[in-house]
Each structure stands twice: as C-alpha cells, then as structure tokens.
C-alpha atoms as a PDB file:
ATOM      1  CA  LEU A   1     -41.867 -38.534  49.889  1.00  0.00           C
ATOM      2  CA  ALA A   2     -41.379 -37.983  46.196  1.00  0.00           C
ATOM      3  CA  THR A   3     -42.415 -40.535  43.632  1.00  0.00           C
ATOM      4  CA  PHE A   4     -41.094 -40.850  40.096  1.00  0.00           C
ATOM      5  CA  GLU A   5     -43.636 -40.524  37.305  1.00  0.00           C
ATOM      6  CA  GLY A   6     -41.516 -41.210  34.233  1.00  0.00           C
ATOM      7  CA  VAL A   7     -39.082 -39.532  31.916  1.00  0.00           C
ATOM      8  CA  ILE A   8     -39.498 -35.940  30.817  1.00  0.00           C
ATOM      9  CA  TYR A   9     -38.150 -36.654  27.325  1.00  0.00           C
ATOM     10  CA  PRO A  10     -39.743 -40.020  26.468  1.00  0.00           C
ATOM     11  CA  SER A  11     -39.206 -39.546  22.718  1.00  0.00           C
ATOM     12  CA  PHE A  12     -35.423 -39.319  23.112  1.00  0.00           C
ATOM     13  CA  SER A  13     -33.720 -42.247  21.396  1.00  0.00           C
ATOM     14  CA  GLN A  14     -29.994 -42.832  21.063  1.00  0.00           C
ATOM     15  CA  SER A  15     -30.522 -44.445  17.666  1.00  0.00           C
ATOM     16  CA  VAL A  16     -32.353 -41.330  16.427  1.00  0.00           C
ATOM     17  CA  HIS A  17     -30.842 -38.370  18.276  1.00  0.00           C
ATOM     18  CA  VAL A  18     -27.207 -39.392  18.844  1.00  0.00           C
ATOM     19  CA  CYS A  19     -24.679 -39.268  16.020  1.00  0.00           C
ATOM     20  CA  GLU A  20     -20.977 -39.683  15.360  1.00  0.00           C
ATOM     21  CA  PRO A  21     -18.910 -36.467  15.439  1.00  0.00           C
ATOM     22  CA  GLU A  22     -18.766 -34.803  12.043  1.00  0.00           C
ATOM     23  CA  ASP A  23     -17.384 -31.661  10.491  1.00  0.00           C
ATOM     24  CA  ILE A  24     -19.292 -28.533  11.444  1.00  0.00           C
ATOM     25  CA  PRO A  25     -20.674 -26.879   8.309  1.00  0.00           C
ATOM     26  CA  ALA A  26     -20.064 -23.248   7.451  1.00  0.00           C
ATOM     27  CA  GLY A  27     -22.830 -20.701   7.824  1.00  0.00           C
ATOM     28  CA  VAL A  28     -24.393 -22.127  10.997  1.00  0.00           C
ATOM     29  CA  PHE A  29     -24.963 -20.195  14.208  1.00  0.00           C
ATOM     30  CA  HIS A  30     -23.125 -21.200  17.382  1.00  0.00           C
ATOM     31  CA  HIS A  31     -24.171 -20.865  21.011  1.00  0.00           C
ATOM     32  CA  ARG A  32     -22.986 -22.133  24.380  1.00  0.00           C
ATOM     33  CA  ALA A  33     -24.914 -22.659  27.600  1.00  0.00           C
ATOM     34  CA  ILE A  34     -23.833 -22.965  31.236  1.00  0.00           C
ATOM     35  CA  ASP A  35     -25.358 -24.461  34.355  1.00  0.00           C
ATOM     36  CA  TRP A  36     -23.458 -23.419  37.487  1.00  0.00           C
ATOM     37  CA  GLY A  37     -22.302 -26.038  39.961  1.00  0.00           C
ATOM     38  CA  ALA A  38     -19.350 -27.475  41.869  1.00  0.00           C
ATOM     39  CA  SER A  39     -20.186 -30.908  43.237  1.00  0.00           C
ATOM     40  CA  ALA A  40     -20.795 -34.500  42.221  1.00  0.00           C
ATOM     41  CA  GLU A  41     -24.545 -33.898  42.592  1.00  0.00           C
ATOM     42  CA  HIS A  42     -24.494 -30.630  40.643  1.00  0.00           C
ATOM     43  CA  PRO A  43     -21.426 -30.211  38.430  1.00  0.00           C
ATOM     44  CA  PHE A  44     -20.382 -27.168  36.454  1.00  0.00           C
ATOM     45  CA  VAL A  45     -21.607 -27.740  32.888  1.00  0.00           C
ATOM     46  CA  CYS A  46     -21.076 -25.990  29.580  1.00  0.00           C
ATOM     47  CA  LEU A  47     -22.511 -27.141  26.246  1.00  0.00           C
ATOM     48  CA  TRP A  48     -21.564 -26.117  22.705  1.00  0.00           C
ATOM     49  CA  GLY A  49     -24.129 -26.273  19.915  1.00  0.00           C
ATOM     50  CA  TYR A  50     -25.031 -24.885  16.515  1.00  0.00           C
ATOM     51  CA  VAL A  51     -28.292 -24.298  14.682  1.00  0.00           C
ATOM     52  CA  ASP A  52     -28.658 -24.257  10.907  1.00  0.00           C
ATOM     53  CA  GLY A  53     -30.903 -22.091   8.764  1.00  0.00           C
ATOM     54  CA  GLU A  54     -33.775 -24.561   9.080  1.00  0.00           C
ATOM     55  CA  GLY A  55     -33.729 -24.545  12.881  1.00  0.00           C
ATOM     56  CA  ASN A  56     -31.976 -27.896  13.306  1.00  0.00           C
ATOM     57  CA  TRP A  57     -29.674 -28.070  16.333  1.00  0.00           C
ATOM     58  CA  THR A  58     -26.530 -30.135  16.873  1.00  0.00           C
ATOM     59  CA  ILE A  59     -24.862 -30.288  20.302  1.00  0.00           C
ATOM     60  CA  TYR A  60     -21.198 -31.015  19.663  1.00  0.00           C
ATOM     61  CA  ASP A  61     -19.285 -30.670  22.936  1.00  0.00           C
ATOM     62  CA  GLU A  62     -19.749 -30.655  26.694  1.00  0.00           C
ATOM     63  CA  TYR A  63     -17.584 -29.590  29.613  1.00  0.00           C
ATOM     64  CA  TRP A  64     -18.465 -31.322  32.892  1.00  0.00           C
ATOM     65  CA  ASN A  65     -16.591 -30.703  36.130  1.00  0.00           C
ATOM     66  CA  THR A  66     -17.452 -31.752  39.687  1.00  0.00           C
ATOM     67  CA  SER A  67     -14.420 -30.276  41.493  1.00  0.00           C
ATOM     68  CA  GLN A  68     -15.040 -27.899  44.382  1.00  0.00           C
ATOM     69  CA  GLU A  69     -11.449 -26.686  44.098  1.00  0.00           C
ATOM     70  CA  ARG A  70     -11.704 -25.178  40.622  1.00  0.00           C
ATOM     71  CA  LEU A  71     -12.057 -21.406  40.453  1.00  0.00           C
ATOM     72  CA  LEU A  72     -14.257 -19.514  38.026  1.00  0.00           C
ATOM     73  CA  SER A  73     -11.046 -18.504  36.273  1.00  0.00           C
ATOM     74  CA  ASP A  74     -10.262 -22.205  35.713  1.00  0.00           C
ATOM     75  CA  HIS A  75     -13.664 -22.767  34.120  1.00  0.00           C
ATOM     76  CA  ILE A  76     -13.246 -19.645  31.990  1.00  0.00           C
ATOM     77  CA  HIS A  77      -9.865 -20.879  30.747  1.00  0.00           C
ATOM     78  CA  GLU A  78     -11.256 -24.339  29.908  1.00  0.00           C
ATOM     79  CA  ILE A  79     -14.243 -22.894  28.033  1.00  0.00           C
ATOM     80  CA  GLU A  80     -12.010 -20.529  26.068  1.00  0.00           C
ATOM     81  CA  GLU A  81      -9.586 -23.331  25.145  1.00  0.00           C
ATOM     82  CA  ARG A  82     -12.371 -25.620  23.965  1.00  0.00           C
ATOM     83  CA  SER A  83     -14.041 -22.797  22.060  1.00  0.00           C
ATOM     84  CA  TYR A  84     -10.835 -21.920  20.216  1.00  0.00           C
ATOM     85  CA  ALA A  85     -10.333 -25.606  19.391  1.00  0.00           C
ATOM     86  CA  TRP A  86     -13.784 -25.577  17.775  1.00  0.00           C
ATOM     87  CA  GLY A  87     -12.853 -22.545  15.696  1.00  0.00           C
ATOM     88  CA  TYR A  88     -14.338 -19.723  17.731  1.00  0.00           C
ATOM     89  CA  PRO A  89     -12.760 -16.493  16.425  1.00  0.00           C
ATOM     90  CA  LEU A  90     -11.054 -14.181  18.890  1.00  0.00           C
ATOM     91  CA  ASP A  91     -13.718 -11.545  18.187  1.00  0.00           C
ATOM     92  CA  TYR A  92     -16.647 -13.988  18.404  1.00  0.00           C
ATOM     93  CA  ALA A  93     -18.778 -11.471  20.310  1.00  0.00           C
ATOM     94  CA  ARG A  94     -18.807  -9.335  17.139  1.00  0.00           C
ATOM     95  CA  ASN A  95     -19.178 -12.260  14.743  1.00  0.00           C
ATOM     96  CA  PRO A  96     -22.783 -12.843  13.593  1.00  0.00           C
ATOM     97  CA  TYR A  97     -22.257 -16.616  13.514  1.00  0.00           C
ATOM     98  CA  TYR A  98     -21.277 -16.832  17.192  1.00  0.00           C
ATOM     99  CA  GLY A  99     -23.988 -15.843  19.622  1.00  0.00           C
ATOM    100  CA  ALA A 100     -24.069 -15.424  23.372  1.00  0.00           C
ATOM    101  CA  CYS A 101     -23.425 -18.088  25.955  1.00  0.00           C
ATOM    102  CA  PHE A 102     -26.687 -18.472  27.884  1.00  0.00           C
ATOM    103  CA  ALA A 103     -26.263 -19.157  31.601  1.00  0.00           C
ATOM    104  CA  ASP A 104     -28.427 -19.940  34.601  1.00  0.00           C
ATOM    105  CA  PRO A 105     -29.669 -16.459  35.617  1.00  0.00           C
ATOM    106  CA  SER A 106     -29.582 -17.273  39.344  1.00  0.00           C
ATOM    107  CA  ARG A 107     -25.883 -16.292  39.588  1.00  0.00           C
ATOM    108  CA  PRO A 108     -25.474 -12.729  38.290  1.00  0.00           C
ATOM    109  CA  ASP A 109     -22.098 -12.563  40.076  1.00  0.00           C
ATOM    110  CA  ASN A 110     -20.771 -15.431  37.967  1.00  0.00           C
ATOM    111  CA  ILE A 111     -22.235 -13.912  34.804  1.00  0.00           C
ATOM    112  CA  ALA A 112     -20.502 -10.611  35.589  1.00  0.00           C
ATOM    113  CA  ALA A 113     -17.197 -12.400  36.251  1.00  0.00           C
ATOM    114  CA  PHE A 114     -17.311 -14.233  32.921  1.00  0.00           C
ATOM    115  CA  ASN A 115     -18.173 -11.051  31.027  1.00  0.00           C
ATOM    116  CA  ALA A 116     -15.353  -9.178  32.770  1.00  0.00           C
ATOM    117  CA  ALA A 117     -12.982 -11.915  31.599  1.00  0.00           C
ATOM    118  CA  GLY A 118     -14.153 -11.528  28.011  1.00  0.00           C
ATOM    119  CA  VAL A 119     -16.526 -14.513  27.788  1.00  0.00           C
ATOM    120  CA  TRP A 120     -19.830 -13.169  26.481  1.00  0.00           C
ATOM    121  CA  ILE A 121     -22.589 -14.382  28.825  1.00  0.00           C
ATOM    122  CA  GLU A 122     -26.282 -13.520  28.879  1.00  0.00           C
ATOM    123  CA  PRO A 123     -28.865 -14.655  31.461  1.00  0.00           C
ATOM    124  CA  ALA A 124     -30.836 -17.550  30.039  1.00  0.00           C
ATOM    125  CA  SER A 125     -34.602 -17.578  29.666  1.00  0.00           C
ATOM    126  CA  ASN A 126     -35.436 -19.810  32.617  1.00  0.00           C
ATOM    127  CA  ASP A 127     -39.057 -20.664  31.947  1.00  0.00           C
ATOM    128  CA  VAL A 128     -38.823 -24.331  32.912  1.00  0.00           C
ATOM    129  CA  PHE A 129     -42.072 -25.622  31.462  1.00  0.00           C
ATOM    130  CA  ASN A 130     -41.942 -23.739  28.163  1.00  0.00           C
ATOM    131  CA  GLY A 131     -38.245 -24.577  27.911  1.00  0.00           C
ATOM    132  CA  ILE A 132     -38.971 -28.284  28.309  1.00  0.00           C
ATOM    133  CA  GLU A 133     -41.668 -28.001  25.672  1.00  0.00           C
ATOM    134  CA  CYS A 134     -39.154 -26.333  23.350  1.00  0.00           C
ATOM    135  CA  VAL A 135     -36.746 -29.266  23.729  1.00  0.00           C
ATOM    136  CA  ARG A 136     -39.591 -31.725  23.191  1.00  0.00           C
ATOM    137  CA  VAL A 137     -40.526 -30.006  19.935  1.00  0.00           C
ATOM    138  CA  HIS A 138     -36.941 -30.347  18.711  1.00  0.00           C
ATOM    139  CA  LEU A 139     -36.876 -34.051  19.570  1.00  0.00           C
ATOM    140  CA  LYS A 140     -39.667 -34.730  17.060  1.00  0.00           C
ATOM    141  CA  THR A 141     -38.633 -36.242  13.742  1.00  0.00           C
ATOM    142  CA  ASN A 142     -39.549 -34.754  10.400  1.00  0.00           C
ATOM    143  CA  PRO A 143     -42.064 -37.144   8.758  1.00  0.00           C
ATOM    144  CA  VAL A 144     -40.418 -36.599   5.360  1.00  0.00           C
ATOM    145  CA  THR A 145     -36.703 -36.652   6.184  1.00  0.00           C
ATOM    146  CA  ARG A 146     -37.031 -38.903   9.269  1.00  0.00           C
ATOM    147  CA  ARG A 147     -34.488 -36.660  10.951  1.00  0.00           C
ATOM    148  CA  PRO A 148     -35.028 -34.879  14.284  1.00  0.00           C
ATOM    149  CA  LYS A 149     -34.457 -31.177  14.848  1.00  0.00           C
ATOM    150  CA  LEU A 150     -31.980 -32.006  17.620  1.00  0.00           C
ATOM    151  CA  ARG A 151     -28.902 -34.204  17.368  1.00  0.00           C
ATOM    152  CA  ILE A 152     -26.156 -34.828  19.925  1.00  0.00           C
ATOM    153  CA  PHE A 153     -22.589 -35.966  19.228  1.00  0.00           C
ATOM    154  CA  ASN A 154     -21.914 -39.267  20.987  1.00  0.00           C
ATOM    155  CA  THR A 155     -18.967 -37.644  22.769  1.00  0.00           C
ATOM    156  CA  CYS A 156     -21.447 -35.677  24.940  1.00  0.00           C
ATOM    157  CA  LYS A 157     -21.892 -38.640  27.253  1.00  0.00           C
ATOM    158  CA  HIS A 158     -23.345 -36.846  30.277  1.00  0.00           C
ATOM    159  CA  LEU A 159     -25.997 -35.071  28.223  1.00  0.00           C
ATOM    160  CA  ILE A 160     -27.017 -38.336  26.568  1.00  0.00           C
ATOM    161  CA  GLU A 161     -27.267 -40.043  29.955  1.00  0.00           C
ATOM    162  CA  GLU A 162     -29.351 -37.257  31.482  1.00  0.00           C
ATOM    163  CA  MET A 163     -31.714 -37.138  28.506  1.00  0.00           C
ATOM    164  CA  ARG A 164     -32.593 -40.708  29.453  1.00  0.00           C
ATOM    165  CA  MET A 165     -32.693 -40.172  33.228  1.00  0.00           C
ATOM    166  CA  TYR A 166     -34.405 -36.773  33.600  1.00  0.00           C
ATOM    167  CA  ARG A 167     -37.621 -37.413  35.554  1.00  0.00           C
ATOM    168  CA  TRP A 168     -40.731 -35.699  36.825  1.00  0.00           C
ATOM    169  CA  LYS A 169     -41.139 -35.448  40.578  1.00  0.00           C
ATOM    170  CA  ARG A 170     -44.583 -35.714  42.105  1.00  0.00           C
ATOM    171  CA  SER A 171     -45.274 -35.229  45.774  1.00  0.00           C
ATOM    172  CA  LYS A 172     -47.747 -36.886  48.103  1.00  0.00           C
ATOM    173  CA  LYS A 173     -49.598 -34.540  50.442  1.00  0.00           C
ATOM    174  CA  ALA A 174     -52.083 -35.397  53.132  1.00  0.00           C
ATOM    175  CA  THR A 175     -55.383 -33.736  52.369  1.00  0.00           C
ATOM    176  CA  ASP A 176     -58.857 -34.214  53.852  1.00  0.00           C
ATOM    177  CA  GLY A 177     -57.648 -37.220  55.770  1.00  0.00           C
ATOM    178  CA  GLY A 178     -56.279 -38.943  52.682  1.00  0.00           C
ATOM    179  CA  VAL A 179     -53.313 -38.820  50.321  1.00  0.00           C
ATOM    180  CA  LEU A 180     -53.367 -37.235  46.910  1.00  0.00           C
ATOM    181  CA  ASN A 181     -52.939 -39.571  43.984  1.00  0.00           C
ATOM    182  CA  PRO A 182     -49.356 -38.841  42.794  1.00  0.00           C
ATOM    183  CA  VAL A 183     -50.444 -39.403  39.209  1.00  0.00           C
ATOM    184  CA  ALA A 184     -52.735 -36.380  39.501  1.00  0.00           C
ATOM    185  CA  ALA A 185     -50.201 -34.181  41.278  1.00  0.00           C
ATOM    186  CA  VAL A 186     -48.643 -31.095  39.715  1.00  0.00           C
ATOM    187  CA  PRO A 187     -45.535 -32.103  37.731  1.00  0.00           C
ATOM    188  CA  ALA A 188     -42.120 -30.680  38.559  1.00  0.00           C
ATOM    189  CA  PRO A 189     -38.700 -31.803  37.335  1.00  0.00           C
ATOM    190  CA  LEU A 190     -36.681 -33.734  39.879  1.00  0.00           C
ATOM    191  CA  LYS A 191     -33.562 -31.768  40.842  1.00  0.00           C
ATOM    192  CA  ARG A 192     -31.206 -34.611  40.071  1.00  0.00           C
ATOM    193  CA  ASP A 193     -29.514 -35.688  36.831  1.00  0.00           C
ATOM    194  CA  ASP A 194     -30.577 -32.330  35.419  1.00  0.00           C
ATOM    195  CA  ASP A 195     -27.458 -30.202  34.892  1.00  0.00           C
ATOM    196  CA  THR A 196     -26.690 -30.840  31.229  1.00  0.00           C
ATOM    197  CA  VAL A 197     -30.391 -30.988  30.323  1.00  0.00           C
ATOM    198  CA  ASP A 198     -30.869 -27.617  32.033  1.00  0.00           C
ATOM    199  CA  ALA A 199     -28.021 -26.198  29.929  1.00  0.00           C
ATOM    200  CA  LEU A 200     -29.624 -27.665  26.801  1.00  0.00           C
ATOM    201  CA  ARG A 201     -32.936 -26.050  27.703  1.00  0.00           C
ATOM    202  CA  TYR A 202     -31.206 -22.704  28.294  1.00  0.00           C
ATOM    203  CA  MET A 203     -29.566 -22.877  24.880  1.00  0.00           C
ATOM    204  CA  LEU A 204     -32.524 -23.886  22.723  1.00  0.00           C
ATOM    205  CA  PHE A 205     -35.206 -21.861  24.459  1.00  0.00           C
ATOM    206  CA  SER A 206     -33.135 -18.699  24.948  1.00  0.00           C
ATOM    207  CA  ALA A 207     -32.062 -18.668  21.298  1.00  0.00           C
ATOM    208  CA  GLN A 208     -35.689 -19.235  20.278  1.00  0.00           C
ATOM    209  CA  MET A 209     -36.861 -16.385  22.488  1.00  0.00           C
ATOM    210  CA  GLN A 210     -34.276 -14.027  21.011  1.00  0.00           C
ATOM    211  CA  GLU A 211     -35.242 -14.988  17.497  1.00  0.00           C
ATOM    212  CA  GLY A 212     -39.012 -15.197  17.739  1.00  0.00           C
ATOM    213  CA  GLY A 213     -40.080 -12.700  20.371  1.00  0.00           C
ATOM    214  CA  THR A 214     -42.005 -13.748  23.452  1.00  0.00           C
ATOM    215  CA  ARG A 215     -43.358 -17.157  24.413  1.00  0.00           C
ATOM    216  CA  PRO A 216     -42.945 -19.059  21.119  1.00  0.00           C
ATOM    217  CA  PHE A 217     -44.015 -22.285  22.869  1.00  0.00           C
ATOM    218  CA  GLU A 218     -46.899 -22.926  25.207  1.00  0.00           C
ATOM    219  CA  ALA A 219     -46.274 -25.843  27.532  1.00  0.00           C
ATOM    220  CA  SER A 220     -48.961 -28.486  27.790  1.00  0.00           C
ATOM    221  CA  TYR A 221     -48.255 -29.024  31.508  1.00  0.00           C
ATOM    222  CA  LYS A 222     -48.530 -25.941  33.695  1.00  0.00           C
ATOM    223  CA  PRO A 223     -48.154 -25.820  37.482  1.00  0.00           C
ATOM    224  CA  ASP A 224     -51.268 -24.656  39.270  1.00  0.00           C
ATOM    225  CA  LYS A 225     -51.125 -21.146  40.702  1.00  0.00           C
END
C-alpha cells in the first residue's frame, strides 16, 4: 500500500505565487503545454504561459476537460479559439514570440494529429525529477524583489489546486522479514492530481532545455537504479 510523504511543492503559496489577471506585456515569449487525458481522474489539460527576458514565468490560462466524448478535433478547436483570444497571431509558428506547445511525449499519434491540424506541437522533455526541480527553482522568491520566478493567474483554478495537492508516493515492501521504512523509500510522484502540474513541468523544463542545452538542473532526489 502506498503512503503519502508530503507535498512535492511545499514552497508554493497562494499569497506569493497567485495573482489577479493582468495585461500581458509586449516582448515576452509564449508557450503552451498539454497533458493528454479524457476522464475525471485524468483530464485533458492545456496551459498557456509566458516568460520574460529575466526568466520569470506567468501562467495565464488553462483548459481542463474530463469528457470522454470530445474528439481531438474538439480540443484543437478549443485551444485555437483560446489562443486567438489571447492574441496568438495566425502565423504564430513563424513568430519568434510564440514558441511550441510542449506535450506529453507518450502519445506521438496525438502530437501528429495536432501538427497536421496546424497546431505546432513538440514532444516535451519528460525528465520527471529534473523537471520537478526546475519548477521548484522557479517557485523561489528573489531576496531583493520578494517576487517569485513563477506566478499563476487566479483563474487557473485547477493548476492552483494541484500545486497544493501534488504528493510523493512511497511504497512499503517486505524485505528480510520486515517492512521498509516508507520515509527512506525511493520517492515517486503519486499519479493523481497531477495533470496540470505535469503540463506546467513540461512547459518550464522543455523551454529551459531548448534555451540552455542539456540538463540545466540536477535534481536533489534521484530514484535508485
């Protein structure tokens, strides 16, 4: 049986990281990120975010859908409509201020379908532990400005909720006639309440990998080989 060992993002605070919607400044770089799904347990999620020249991220919209009846074409239409409402140009794939949409790489068929429909998708960098570390770095506040490197509009309610609920899972295994201490077990994220936080990780870490080469972060918690 799994036990819960605490939140993955303990430094997340609504008073620090959540803000009222505001005008999006010019000259920032936009990305989207998708986590595939079609159920109440694992919805289809898309996030919209921008990063400024100093590496500060703002997540400004989320699309969350649990319907098993919606087609990929329905999701594509919704994402396009929301993107246009946020000012995405028709030729955003050629616009330097509008980067790729990073998606869970486990569904290359879905990625191909979105690209065929004109929605620019790239497989996300899915290094879970380094990706989590990347998000943790952005949650830190600048000691001078007292501002974090990651802010979330308060309209992104599911992302805010999951930032609070995302937990480590630790398993108990019988060994040598006893039971391992779950506190000492190898950490792994619990696959629940993780869809928007996965999309956030895809966005921040994939953009960082594109910009800075390979492995810009080294996680402090590595699974044993």
